[in-house]
């Protein structure tokens, strides 16, 4: 089983942004982003929120995620 990196948006009290554009305390309801840049673009709509990174198990490796040059250099 592979681990894949995903991103979500959280507000200042720890609620997760849902796909419907609301905030929920339930992590299972969180909108999941595959690309950090996509999550950062969405973040512009929600001032005071942050992009959080997490890993979760997946039956398939994540071939669609492309690491950024800055991350590879670090």
PDB file of N, CA and C in Angstrom:
ATOM      1  N   UNK A   1       0.850  -1.171   0.000  1.00  0.00           N
ATOM      2  CA  UNK A   1       0.000   0.000   0.000  1.00  0.00           C
ATOM      3  C   UNK A   1       0.897   1.235   0.000  1.00  0.00           C
ATOM      4  N   UNK A   2       0.574   2.191  -0.815  1.00  0.00           N
ATOM      5  CA  UNK A   2       1.351   3.421  -0.950  1.00  0.00           C
ATOM      6  C   UNK A   2       0.754   4.529  -0.089  1.00  0.00           C
ATOM      7  N   UNK A   3       1.604   5.457   0.280  1.00  0.00           N
ATOM      8  CA  UNK A   3       1.144   6.664   0.977  1.00  0.00           C
ATOM      9  C   UNK A   3       1.125   7.794  -0.043  1.00  0.00           C
ATOM     10  N   UNK A   4       0.061   8.584  -0.033  1.00  0.00           N
ATOM     11  CA  UNK A   4      -0.058   9.721  -0.936  1.00  0.00           C
ATOM     12  C   UNK A   4      -0.188  10.999  -0.112  1.00  0.00           C
ATOM     13  N   UNK A   5       0.356  12.078  -0.631  1.00  0.00           N
ATOM     14  CA  UNK A   5       0.285  13.375   0.038  1.00  0.00           C
ATOM     15  C   UNK A   5      -0.923  14.137  -0.482  1.00  0.00           C
ATOM     16  N   UNK A   6      -1.695  14.681   0.428  1.00  0.00           N
ATOM     17  CA  UNK A   6      -2.865  15.468   0.098  1.00  0.00           C
ATOM     18  C   UNK A   6      -2.842  16.753   0.914  1.00  0.00           C
ATOM     19  N   UNK A   7      -3.682  17.699   0.523  1.00  0.00           N
ATOM     20  CA  UNK A   7      -3.735  19.004   1.165  1.00  0.00           C
ATOM     21  C   UNK A   7      -5.192  19.341   1.472  1.00  0.00           C
ATOM     22  N   UNK A   8      -5.406  20.049   2.575  1.00  0.00           N
ATOM     23  CA  UNK A   8      -6.735  20.567   2.877  1.00  0.00           C
ATOM     24  C   UNK A   8      -6.577  21.967   3.442  1.00  0.00           C
ATOM     25  N   UNK A   9      -7.678  22.655   3.578  1.00  0.00           N
ATOM     26  CA  UNK A   9      -7.683  24.020   4.092  1.00  0.00           C
ATOM     27  C   UNK A   9      -8.401  24.021   5.434  1.00  0.00           C
ATOM     28  N   UNK A  10      -7.751  24.651   6.431  1.00  0.00           N
ATOM     29  CA  UNK A  10      -8.340  24.749   7.761  1.00  0.00           C
ATOM     30  C   UNK A  10      -8.437  26.215   8.167  1.00  0.00           C
ATOM     31  N   UNK A  11      -9.494  26.517   8.906  1.00  0.00           N
ATOM     32  CA  UNK A  11      -9.631  27.882   9.412  1.00  0.00           C
ATOM     33  C   UNK A  11      -8.892  28.009  10.741  1.00  0.00           C
ATOM     34  N   UNK A  12      -8.985  29.185  11.349  1.00  0.00           N
ATOM     35  CA  UNK A  12      -8.214  29.470  12.557  1.00  0.00           C
ATOM     36  C   UNK A  12      -8.634  28.652  13.773  1.00  0.00           C
ATOM     37  N   UNK A  13      -9.805  28.041  13.755  1.00  0.00           N
ATOM     38  CA  UNK A  13     -10.234  27.215  14.885  1.00  0.00           C
ATOM     39  C   UNK A  13     -10.144  25.719  14.585  1.00  0.00           C
ATOM     40  N   UNK A  14      -9.562  25.359  13.448  1.00  0.00           N
ATOM     41  CA  UNK A  14      -9.324  23.961  13.136  1.00  0.00           C
ATOM     42  C   UNK A  14     -10.414  23.261  12.351  1.00  0.00           C
ATOM     43  N   UNK A  15     -11.362  24.021  11.814  1.00  0.00           N
ATOM     44  CA  UNK A  15     -12.397  23.398  10.982  1.00  0.00           C
ATOM     45  C   UNK A  15     -11.866  23.224   9.560  1.00  0.00           C
ATOM     46  N   UNK A  16     -12.370  22.220   8.879  1.00  0.00           N
ATOM     47  CA  UNK A  16     -11.931  21.877   7.534  1.00  0.00           C
ATOM     48  C   UNK A  16     -12.886  22.441   6.491  1.00  0.00           C
ATOM     49  N   UNK A  17     -12.334  22.967   5.407  1.00  0.00           N
ATOM     50  CA  UNK A  17     -13.145  23.411   4.278  1.00  0.00           C
ATOM     51  C   UNK A  17     -13.709  22.185   3.578  1.00  0.00           C
ATOM     52  N   UNK A  18     -15.012  22.185   3.302  1.00  0.00           N
ATOM     53  CA  UNK A  18     -15.648  21.074   2.604  1.00  0.00           C
ATOM     54  C   UNK A  18     -15.759  21.388   1.114  1.00  0.00           C
ATOM     55  N   UNK A  19     -16.096  20.397   0.344  1.00  0.00           N
ATOM     56  CA  UNK A  19     -16.265  20.572  -1.105  1.00  0.00           C
ATOM     57  C   UNK A  19     -17.393  21.550  -1.415  1.00  0.00           C
ATOM     58  N   UNK A  20     -18.347  21.702  -0.496  1.00  0.00           N
ATOM     59  CA  UNK A  20     -19.477  22.611  -0.698  1.00  0.00           C
ATOM     60  C   UNK A  20     -19.131  24.052  -0.338  1.00  0.00           C
ATOM     61  N   UNK A  21     -17.915  24.297   0.200  1.00  0.00           N
ATOM     62  CA  UNK A  21     -17.505  25.650   0.549  1.00  0.00           C
ATOM     63  C   UNK A  21     -17.832  26.066   1.968  1.00  0.00           C
ATOM     64  N   UNK A  22     -18.233  25.118   2.804  1.00  0.00           N
ATOM     65  CA  UNK A  22     -18.518  25.386   4.213  1.00  0.00           C
ATOM     66  C   UNK A  22     -17.382  24.825   5.052  1.00  0.00           C
ATOM     67  N   UNK A  23     -17.388  25.118   6.346  1.00  0.00           N
ATOM     68  CA  UNK A  23     -16.370  24.574   7.240  1.00  0.00           C
ATOM     69  C   UNK A  23     -17.012  23.581   8.192  1.00  0.00           C
ATOM     70  N   UNK A  24     -16.290  22.487   8.473  1.00  0.00           N
ATOM     71  CA  UNK A  24     -16.790  21.412   9.325  1.00  0.00           C
ATOM     72  C   UNK A  24     -15.659  20.942  10.236  1.00  0.00           C
ATOM     73  N   UNK A  25     -16.022  20.495  11.433  1.00  0.00           N
ATOM     74  CA  UNK A  25     -15.041  19.919  12.348  1.00  0.00           C
ATOM     75  C   UNK A  25     -14.683  18.482  11.952  1.00  0.00           C
ATOM     76  N   UNK A  26     -15.454  17.884  11.077  1.00  0.00           N
ATOM     77  CA  UNK A  26     -15.228  16.498  10.670  1.00  0.00           C
ATOM     78  C   UNK A  26     -14.162  16.413   9.575  1.00  0.00           C
ATOM     79  N   UNK A  27     -13.042  15.763   9.882  1.00  0.00           N
ATOM     80  CA  UNK A  27     -11.956  15.625   8.904  1.00  0.00           C
ATOM     81  C   UNK A  27     -12.404  14.831   7.676  1.00  0.00           C
ATOM     82  N   UNK A  28     -13.349  13.922   7.860  1.00  0.00           N
ATOM     83  CA  UNK A  28     -13.844  13.112   6.738  1.00  0.00           C
ATOM     84  C   UNK A  28     -14.603  13.957   5.709  1.00  0.00           C
ATOM     85  N   UNK A  29     -15.089  15.128   6.112  1.00  0.00           N
ATOM     86  CA  UNK A  29     -15.831  16.008   5.207  1.00  0.00           C
ATOM     87  C   UNK A  29     -14.923  16.964   4.430  1.00  0.00           C
ATOM     88  N   UNK A  30     -13.630  16.985   4.766  1.00  0.00           N
ATOM     89  CA  UNK A  30     -12.709  17.967   4.196  1.00  0.00           C
ATOM     90  C   UNK A  30     -12.527  17.785   2.697  1.00  0.00           C
ATOM     91  N   UNK A  31     -12.471  18.909   1.992  1.00  0.00           N
ATOM     92  CA  UNK A  31     -12.120  18.887   0.574  1.00  0.00           C
ATOM     93  C   UNK A  31     -10.652  18.502   0.481  1.00  0.00           C
ATOM     94  N   UNK A  32     -10.342  17.608  -0.420  1.00  0.00           N
ATOM     95  CA  UNK A  32      -8.987  17.080  -0.557  1.00  0.00           C
ATOM     96  C   UNK A  32      -8.368  17.588  -1.855  1.00  0.00           C
ATOM     97  N   UNK A  33      -7.201  18.185  -1.752  1.00  0.00           N
ATOM     98  CA  UNK A  33      -6.492  18.693  -2.915  1.00  0.00           C
ATOM     99  C   UNK A  33      -5.277  17.814  -3.180  1.00  0.00           C
ATOM    100  N   UNK A  34      -5.048  17.476  -4.442  1.00  0.00           N
ATOM    101  CA  UNK A  34      -3.864  16.693  -4.806  1.00  0.00           C
ATOM    102  C   UNK A  34      -2.643  17.573  -4.984  1.00  0.00           C
ATOM    103  N   UNK A  35      -2.861  18.814  -5.357  1.00  0.00           N
ATOM    104  CA  UNK A  35      -1.770  19.714  -5.683  1.00  0.00           C
ATOM    105  C   UNK A  35      -1.746  20.877  -4.690  1.00  0.00           C
ATOM    106  N   UNK A  36      -0.584  21.164  -4.133  1.00  0.00           N
ATOM    107  CA  UNK A  36      -0.469  22.241  -3.157  1.00  0.00           C
ATOM    108  C   UNK A  36      -0.788  23.597  -3.777  1.00  0.00           C
ATOM    109  N   UNK A  37      -0.374  23.826  -5.012  1.00  0.00           N
ATOM    110  CA  UNK A  37      -0.660  25.101  -5.669  1.00  0.00           C
ATOM    111  C   UNK A  37      -2.163  25.313  -5.838  1.00  0.00           C
ATOM    112  N   UNK A  38      -2.887  24.259  -6.142  1.00  0.00           N
ATOM    113  CA  UNK A  38      -4.344  24.348  -6.269  1.00  0.00           C
ATOM    114  C   UNK A  38      -4.973  24.730  -4.928  1.00  0.00           C
ATOM    115  N   UNK A  39      -4.480  24.125  -3.850  1.00  0.00           N
ATOM    116  CA  UNK A  39      -4.992  24.447  -2.520  1.00  0.00           C
ATOM    117  C   UNK A  39      -4.679  25.897  -2.151  1.00  0.00           C
ATOM    118  N   UNK A  40      -3.488  26.371  -2.516  1.00  0.00           N
ATOM    119  CA  UNK A  40      -3.104  27.750  -2.216  1.00  0.00           C
ATOM    120  C   UNK A  40      -3.973  28.735  -3.001  1.00  0.00           C
ATOM    121  N   UNK A  41      -4.293  28.411  -4.248  1.00  0.00           N
ATOM    122  CA  UNK A  41      -5.189  29.266  -5.032  1.00  0.00           C
ATOM    123  C   UNK A  41      -6.555  29.362  -4.363  1.00  0.00           C
ATOM    124  N   UNK A  42      -7.081  28.235  -3.906  1.00  0.00           N
ATOM    125  CA  UNK A  42      -8.381  28.218  -3.227  1.00  0.00           C
ATOM    126  C   UNK A  42      -8.307  28.992  -1.913  1.00  0.00           C
ATOM    127  N   UNK A  43      -7.167  28.953  -1.260  1.00  0.00           N
ATOM    128  CA  UNK A  43      -6.961  29.627   0.017  1.00  0.00           C
ATOM    129  C   UNK A  43      -7.165  31.134  -0.090  1.00  0.00           C
ATOM    130  N   UNK A  44      -6.900  31.704  -1.247  1.00  0.00           N
ATOM    131  CA  UNK A  44      -7.049  33.153  -1.442  1.00  0.00           C
ATOM    132  C   UNK A  44      -8.472  33.622  -1.166  1.00  0.00           C
ATOM    133  N   UNK A  45      -9.428  32.742  -1.331  1.00  0.00           N
ATOM    134  CA  UNK A  45     -10.833  33.080  -1.105  1.00  0.00           C
ATOM    135  C   UNK A  45     -11.173  33.092   0.392  1.00  0.00           C
ATOM    136  N   UNK A  46     -10.349  32.440   1.199  1.00  0.00           N
ATOM    137  CA  UNK A  46     -10.634  32.286   2.632  1.00  0.00           C
ATOM    138  C   UNK A  46      -9.511  32.899   3.471  1.00  0.00           C
ATOM    139  N   UNK A  47      -9.516  34.213   3.692  1.00  0.00           N
ATOM    140  CA  UNK A  47      -8.461  34.845   4.494  1.00  0.00           C
ATOM    141  C   UNK A  47      -8.455  34.303   5.924  1.00  0.00           C
ATOM    142  N   UNK A  48      -7.270  34.183   6.475  1.00  0.00           N
ATOM    143  CA  UNK A  48      -7.130  33.684   7.841  1.00  0.00           C
ATOM    144  C   UNK A  48      -7.022  32.178   7.931  1.00  0.00           C
ATOM    145  N   UNK A  49      -7.128  31.492   6.810  1.00  0.00           N
ATOM    146  CA  UNK A  49      -7.045  30.031   6.790  1.00  0.00           C
ATOM    147  C   UNK A  49      -5.648  29.589   6.358  1.00  0.00           C
ATOM    148  N   UNK A  50      -5.360  28.314   6.538  1.00  0.00           N
ATOM    149  CA  UNK A  50      -4.060  27.762   6.170  1.00  0.00           C
ATOM    150  C   UNK A  50      -4.231  26.481   5.364  1.00  0.00           C
ATOM    151  N   UNK A  51      -3.218  26.174   4.566  1.00  0.00           N
ATOM    152  CA  UNK A  51      -3.173  24.907   3.844  1.00  0.00           C
ATOM    153  C   UNK A  51      -2.407  23.917   4.711  1.00  0.00           C
ATOM    154  N   UNK A  52      -3.012  22.785   4.986  1.00  0.00           N
ATOM    155  CA  UNK A  52      -2.384  21.746   5.798  1.00  0.00           C
ATOM    156  C   UNK A  52      -2.060  20.547   4.925  1.00  0.00           C
ATOM    157  N   UNK A  53      -0.912  19.946   5.160  1.00  0.00           N
ATOM    158  CA  UNK A  53      -0.454  18.777   4.418  1.00  0.00           C
ATOM    159  C   UNK A  53      -0.648  17.537   5.279  1.00  0.00           C
ATOM    160  N   UNK A  54      -1.088  16.455   4.664  1.00  0.00           N
ATOM    161  CA  UNK A  54      -1.191  15.185   5.382  1.00  0.00           C
ATOM    162  C   UNK A  54      -0.973  14.046   4.400  1.00  0.00           C
ATOM    163  N   UNK A  55      -0.692  12.870   4.925  1.00  0.00           N
ATOM    164  CA  UNK A  55      -0.534  11.688   4.089  1.00  0.00           C
ATOM    165  C   UNK A  55      -1.589  10.670   4.486  1.00  0.00           C
ATOM    166  N   UNK A  56      -2.041   9.937   3.483  1.00  0.00           N
ATOM    167  CA  UNK A  56      -3.018   8.892   3.758  1.00  0.00           C
ATOM    168  C   UNK A  56      -2.666   7.681   2.912  1.00  0.00           C
ATOM    169  N   UNK A  57      -3.086   6.498   3.348  1.00  0.00           N
ATOM    170  CA  UNK A  57      -2.809   5.297   2.560  1.00  0.00           C
ATOM    171  C   UNK A  57      -3.672   5.261   1.304  1.00  0.00           C
ATOM    172  N   UNK A  58      -3.131   4.652   0.269  1.00  0.00           N
ATOM    173  CA  UNK A  58      -3.845   4.511  -0.988  1.00  0.00           C
ATOM    174  C   UNK A  58      -3.478   3.170  -1.608  1.00  0.00           C
ATOM    175  N   UNK A  59      -4.419   2.576  -2.292  1.00  0.00           N
ATOM    176  CA  UNK A  59      -4.153   1.306  -2.967  1.00  0.00           C
ATOM    177  C   UNK A  59      -3.237   1.505  -4.165  1.00  0.00           C
ATOM    178  N   UNK A  60      -3.131   2.744  -4.642  1.00  0.00           N
ATOM    179  CA  UNK A  60      -2.330   3.039  -5.824  1.00  0.00           C
ATOM    180  C   UNK A  60      -1.371   4.182  -5.528  1.00  0.00           C
ATOM    181  N   UNK A  61      -0.148   4.124  -6.054  1.00  0.00           N
ATOM    182  CA  UNK A  61       0.763   5.262  -5.882  1.00  0.00           C
ATOM    183  C   UNK A  61       0.239   6.477  -6.626  1.00  0.00           C
ATOM    184  N   UNK A  62       0.662   7.646  -6.202  1.00  0.00           N
ATOM    185  CA  UNK A  62       0.175   8.900  -6.770  1.00  0.00           C
ATOM    186  C   UNK A  62       1.084   9.347  -7.903  1.00  0.00           C
ATOM    187  N   UNK A  63       0.783   8.921  -9.115  1.00  0.00           N
ATOM    188  CA  UNK A  63       1.599   9.292 -10.265  1.00  0.00           C
ATOM    189  C   UNK A  63       1.225  10.662 -10.809  1.00  0.00           C
ATOM    190  N   UNK A  64       0.081  11.208 -10.389  1.00  0.00           N
ATOM    191  CA  UNK A  64      -0.360  12.496 -10.924  1.00  0.00           C
ATOM    192  C   UNK A  64       0.297  13.665 -10.220  1.00  0.00           C
ATOM    193  N   UNK A  65       0.759  13.474  -8.997  1.00  0.00           N
ATOM    194  CA  UNK A  65       1.380  14.566  -8.247  1.00  0.00           C
ATOM    195  C   UNK A  65       2.788  14.798  -8.773  1.00  0.00           C
ATOM    196  N   UNK A  66       3.078  16.021  -9.101  1.00  0.00           N
ATOM    197  CA  UNK A  66       4.414  16.368  -9.575  1.00  0.00           C
ATOM    198  C   UNK A  66       5.085  17.254  -8.546  1.00  0.00           C
ATOM    199  N   UNK A  67       6.209  16.826  -7.999  1.00  0.00           N
ATOM    200  CA  UNK A  67       6.877  17.653  -6.990  1.00  0.00           C
ATOM    201  C   UNK A  67       7.428  18.932  -7.603  1.00  0.00           C
ATOM    202  N   UNK A  68       7.394  19.983  -6.819  1.00  0.00           N
ATOM    203  CA  UNK A  68       7.899  21.265  -7.316  1.00  0.00           C
ATOM    204  C   UNK A  68       9.422  21.269  -7.256  1.00  0.00           C
ATOM    205  N   UNK A  69      10.029  22.120  -8.053  1.00  0.00           N
ATOM    206  CA  UNK A  69      11.480  22.225  -8.083  1.00  0.00           C
ATOM    207  C   UNK A  69      12.010  22.703  -6.737  1.00  0.00           C
ATOM    208  N   UNK A  70      11.280  23.609  -6.081  1.00  0.00           N
ATOM    209  CA  UNK A  70      11.717  24.112  -4.787  1.00  0.00           C
ATOM    210  C   UNK A  70      11.766  23.004  -3.756  1.00  0.00           C
ATOM    211  N   UNK A  71      10.803  22.107  -3.768  1.00  0.00           N
ATOM    212  CA  UNK A  71      10.774  21.016  -2.800  1.00  0.00           C
ATOM    213  C   UNK A  71      11.918  20.044  -3.045  1.00  0.00           C
ATOM    214  N   UNK A  72      12.238  19.768  -4.322  1.00  0.00           N
ATOM    215  CA  UNK A  72      13.319  18.861  -4.637  1.00  0.00           C
ATOM    216  C   UNK A  72      14.665  19.443  -4.215  1.00  0.00           C
ATOM    217  N   UNK A  73      14.803  20.769  -4.305  1.00  0.00           N
ATOM    218  CA  UNK A  73      16.060  21.413  -3.978  1.00  0.00           C
ATOM    219  C   UNK A  73      16.284  21.474  -2.472  1.00  0.00           C
ATOM    220  N   UNK A  74      15.210  21.443  -1.691  1.00  0.00           N
ATOM    221  CA  UNK A  74      15.311  21.577  -0.239  1.00  0.00           C
ATOM    222  C   UNK A  74      15.903  20.361   0.429  1.00  0.00           C
TER     223      UNK A  74
END
